[in-house]
Amino acid sequence: MKKGKTKLTRHDAERLFEGLPGGNAKVSGRPENPFEAGAFDVLERVDDETKLWKDNLITLPMAIELPVGYESVSRMREAMVRAWRVKWVREGKNEVVTEFPEGWTAVRPESGPIELRDPSGVVRALYGWAADAELKILPRYLIESQANSSSGLGSLLVRDRGNGQILERSSIWSAQTGTNHPDWTRLSAWLNLRYPQHRDPLRYWNDCEENIQN
């Protein structure tokens, strides 16, 4: 009885595969990838382009602290387009979304205002995150105060923010700081003589000068 039942079972099993095409069987330890070769390459490229696009969008305040020589926010924006090659994407109630060239970033430190940095990492503008915040664009050349922690006295220096170099320094250490420092007038005259347009934050930067000329 056992023997007959075994033959019948094998015969029935063989009938189940009747009509199926024959061929070489491929044995693999894991299932084959159902996707064609290179299917993920397009997805990764699209994802990278999307990420790049998002990284280039920076939200700025609507208001801008106007430097000397700019009579309106609209004129300032026009100058930013020429000097920075920015594009105004869309405006909200208190903010505007802008597209910057590749490499520009907005960094919010643990304390203090948000820093708008160019591709080399130099802070080119500052702004807060409140509804009434203003964008303050920084010039390349500034007179800075330097304090001596041990004596409590202060000095002044002219810094090139493009490369961090100190161009001129006061010879006097004083308890008075800023515009009240005894050397403020001398350093201001030194800066005005060598960089007469230093108050314009869109001048003297390499990228600005190149973009304006082109």
Protein backbone atom coordinates (compact mmCIF):
# COMPACT_ATOMS: atom_id res chain seq x y z
CA MET A 1 0.00 0.00 0.00
CA LYS A 2 2.79 2.38 0.85
CA LYS A 3 4.59 1.70 -2.39
CA GLY A 4 1.52 2.38 -4.54
CA LYS A 5 0.73 5.56 -2.73
CA THR A 6 4.27 6.89 -3.26
CA LYS A 7 4.13 6.27 -7.01
CA LEU A 8 0.77 7.97 -7.25
CA THR A 9 2.01 11.02 -5.37
CA ARG A 10 5.10 11.41 -7.55
CA HIS A 11 3.02 11.02 -10.67
CA ASP A 12 0.55 13.65 -9.52
CA ALA A 13 3.37 16.03 -8.72
CA GLU A 14 4.89 15.65 -12.16
CA ARG A 15 1.53 16.44 -13.75
CA LEU A 16 1.42 19.78 -11.93
CA PHE A 17 4.36 21.06 -14.04
CA GLU A 18 3.09 19.87 -17.38
CA GLY A 19 3.02 22.62 -20.04
CA LEU A 20 5.61 24.83 -18.31
CA PRO A 21 8.59 25.84 -20.51
CA GLY A 22 11.81 24.08 -19.75
CA GLY A 23 15.13 25.84 -19.31
CA ASN A 24 18.23 26.19 -17.22
CA ALA A 25 17.49 26.92 -13.60
CA LYS A 26 19.45 29.74 -11.94
CA VAL A 27 20.26 29.23 -8.31
CA SER A 28 21.11 32.22 -6.13
CA GLY A 29 21.57 32.76 -2.45
CA ARG A 30 19.48 35.96 -2.54
CA PRO A 31 16.66 37.25 -4.74
CA GLU A 32 17.59 39.20 -7.86
CA ASN A 33 17.24 42.98 -7.92
CA PRO A 34 13.90 43.61 -9.67
CA PHE A 35 15.07 47.09 -10.77
CA GLU A 36 17.04 47.72 -13.91
CA ALA A 37 20.68 48.71 -13.64
CA GLY A 38 21.04 52.43 -13.00
CA ALA A 39 17.47 52.87 -11.83
CA PHE A 40 18.60 54.58 -8.63
CA ASP A 41 21.12 56.86 -10.39
CA VAL A 42 18.36 59.15 -11.64
CA LEU A 43 16.72 59.29 -8.22
CA GLU A 44 19.98 60.22 -6.51
CA ARG A 45 20.70 62.92 -9.10
CA VAL A 46 17.24 64.43 -8.72
CA ASP A 47 17.55 64.35 -4.93
CA ASP A 48 20.92 66.12 -5.11
CA GLU A 49 19.54 68.82 -7.38
CA THR A 50 16.57 69.33 -5.07
CA LYS A 51 18.87 69.61 -2.06
CA LEU A 52 21.07 72.11 -3.88
CA TRP A 53 18.04 74.19 -4.80
CA LYS A 54 16.81 74.25 -1.21
CA ASP A 55 20.25 75.15 0.12
CA ASN A 56 20.41 78.17 -2.19
CA LEU A 57 17.13 79.60 -0.90
CA ILE A 58 17.62 81.96 2.04
CA THR A 59 14.88 83.85 3.87
CA LEU A 60 15.73 87.46 4.68
CA PRO A 61 13.81 90.23 6.46
CA MET A 62 11.77 92.56 4.29
CA ALA A 63 13.39 95.60 5.92
CA ILE A 64 16.97 96.63 5.14
CA GLU A 65 19.14 99.05 7.09
CA LEU A 66 19.97 101.53 4.36
CA PRO A 67 23.66 102.49 4.03
CA VAL A 68 24.77 105.95 2.99
CA GLY A 69 23.86 106.61 -0.65
CA TYR A 70 20.79 104.36 -0.83
CA GLU A 71 17.51 106.24 -0.52
CA SER A 72 15.09 103.31 -0.59
CA VAL A 73 14.81 99.57 -0.01
CA SER A 74 13.95 99.00 -3.66
CA ARG A 75 17.15 100.70 -4.79
CA MET A 76 19.11 98.65 -2.29
CA ARG A 77 17.56 95.46 -3.64
CA GLU A 78 18.46 96.43 -7.19
CA ALA A 79 22.06 96.94 -6.10
CA MET A 80 22.10 93.57 -4.35
CA VAL A 81 20.92 91.88 -7.54
CA ARG A 82 23.81 93.41 -9.48
CA ALA A 83 26.49 92.90 -6.83
CA TRP A 84 25.48 89.55 -5.30
CA ARG A 85 23.58 88.01 -8.23
CA VAL A 86 20.62 87.23 -5.96
CA LYS A 87 17.08 86.57 -7.21
CA TRP A 88 13.96 87.60 -5.33
CA VAL A 89 11.75 84.50 -5.33
CA ARG A 90 8.69 85.47 -3.28
CA GLU A 91 7.66 87.92 -0.59
CA GLY A 92 5.71 87.41 2.62
CA LYS A 93 4.44 89.88 5.17
CA ASN A 94 7.74 90.38 7.00
CA GLU A 95 10.21 88.33 4.99
CA VAL A 96 11.40 87.63 1.47
CA VAL A 97 12.78 84.38 0.05
CA THR A 98 15.88 84.86 -2.08
CA GLU A 99 17.96 82.59 -4.27
CA PHE A 100 21.68 83.09 -3.72
CA PRO A 101 24.62 81.82 -5.75
CA GLU A 102 25.99 78.44 -4.73
CA GLY A 103 27.91 78.46 -1.46
CA TRP A 104 26.07 81.26 0.35
CA THR A 105 24.57 80.20 3.68
CA ALA A 106 22.59 81.62 6.59
CA VAL A 107 24.00 80.48 9.93
CA ARG A 108 22.23 81.01 13.23
CA PRO A 109 24.72 80.84 16.11
CA GLU A 110 23.80 79.88 19.67
CA SER A 111 23.48 83.56 20.51
CA GLY A 112 23.31 86.73 18.49
CA PRO A 113 21.89 87.52 15.05
CA ILE A 114 21.77 85.24 12.03
CA GLU A 115 24.91 85.49 9.88
CA LEU A 116 24.70 85.61 6.10
CA ARG A 117 27.98 84.12 4.87
CA ASP A 118 29.54 84.06 1.43
CA PRO A 119 31.16 80.90 -0.04
CA SER A 120 34.45 81.66 1.73
CA GLY A 121 32.73 81.88 5.12
CA VAL A 122 32.99 85.67 5.55
CA VAL A 123 29.97 87.25 7.26
CA ARG A 124 28.48 89.67 4.75
CA ALA A 125 25.29 90.62 6.59
CA LEU A 126 23.46 90.18 9.90
CA TYR A 127 19.77 90.01 10.77
CA GLY A 128 17.48 88.91 13.58
CA TRP A 129 14.47 86.63 13.47
CA ALA A 130 11.84 88.97 14.91
CA ALA A 131 8.99 90.28 12.76
CA ASP A 132 10.54 93.78 12.67
CA ALA A 133 14.09 92.59 11.97
CA GLU A 134 16.31 94.46 9.51
CA LEU A 135 19.04 93.17 7.23
CA LYS A 136 22.33 94.91 7.98
CA ILE A 137 24.87 94.52 5.17
CA LEU A 138 28.46 94.83 6.38
CA PRO A 139 31.21 96.67 4.49
CA ARG A 140 34.58 95.15 3.73
CA TYR A 141 36.60 97.73 5.70
CA LEU A 142 35.70 98.61 9.29
CA ILE A 143 37.16 100.45 12.23
CA GLU A 144 36.96 98.06 15.17
CA SER A 145 37.52 98.51 18.88
CA GLN A 146 39.98 96.26 20.65
CA ALA A 147 39.91 95.96 24.44
CA ASN A 148 42.72 95.03 26.80
CA SER A 149 41.19 92.87 29.51
CA SER A 150 44.02 93.45 31.98
CA SER A 151 44.18 97.25 31.79
CA GLY A 152 40.60 98.00 30.80
CA LEU A 153 41.85 100.31 28.06
CA GLY A 154 40.88 100.13 24.40
CA SER A 155 42.51 100.57 21.03
CA LEU A 156 41.24 100.91 17.46
CA LEU A 157 42.15 99.08 14.29
CA VAL A 158 41.15 99.07 10.64
CA ARG A 159 40.40 95.55 9.44
CA ASP A 160 40.00 94.14 5.97
CA ARG A 161 37.13 91.74 6.53
CA GLY A 162 37.75 90.12 3.18
CA ASN A 163 40.91 88.42 4.43
CA GLY A 164 41.01 89.32 8.13
CA GLN A 165 44.15 91.46 7.88
CA ILE A 166 44.71 94.50 10.08
CA LEU A 167 45.58 97.45 7.83
CA GLU A 168 46.11 100.20 10.41
CA ARG A 169 46.13 100.44 14.19
CA SER A 170 45.87 103.25 16.71
CA SER A 171 48.95 104.04 18.77
CA ILE A 172 46.95 105.11 21.82
CA TRP A 173 45.26 102.95 24.43
CA SER A 174 42.44 104.86 26.04
CA ALA A 175 39.51 104.38 28.39
CA GLN A 176 37.38 106.02 25.71
CA THR A 177 36.04 103.73 23.01
CA GLY A 178 34.44 103.94 19.56
CA THR A 179 34.04 107.40 18.09
CA ASN A 180 35.20 108.92 21.39
CA HIS A 181 38.62 107.29 21.12
CA PRO A 182 41.41 109.87 20.54
CA ASP A 183 42.55 108.05 17.38
CA TRP A 184 39.12 107.70 15.79
CA THR A 185 39.48 110.84 13.66
CA ARG A 186 42.92 109.82 12.42
CA LEU A 187 41.87 106.29 11.46
CA SER A 188 38.70 107.57 9.81
CA ALA A 189 40.77 109.95 7.66
CA TRP A 190 43.15 107.10 6.81
CA LEU A 191 40.25 104.90 5.70
CA ASN A 192 38.51 107.67 3.74
CA LEU A 193 41.69 108.46 1.84
CA ARG A 194 42.44 104.90 0.74
CA TYR A 195 38.90 103.55 0.34
CA PRO A 196 36.60 106.54 -0.29
CA GLN A 197 33.54 104.31 -0.90
CA HIS A 198 34.08 102.10 2.14
CA ARG A 199 30.66 103.01 3.57
CA ASP A 200 28.99 101.23 0.66
CA PRO A 201 28.80 97.57 1.77
CA LEU A 202 28.54 96.40 -1.86
CA ARG A 203 31.87 97.91 -2.94
CA TYR A 204 35.45 96.62 -2.81
CA TRP A 205 34.41 92.97 -2.41
CA ASN A 206 35.94 90.90 -5.21
CA ASP A 207 32.67 89.26 -6.23
CA CYS A 208 30.75 92.55 -6.10
CA GLU A 209 33.25 94.42 -8.23
CA GLU A 210 33.36 91.63 -10.78
CA ASN A 211 29.57 91.31 -10.95
CA ILE A 212 29.02 95.07 -11.23
CA GLN A 213 31.51 95.33 -14.11
CA ASN A 214 29.89 92.42 -15.94
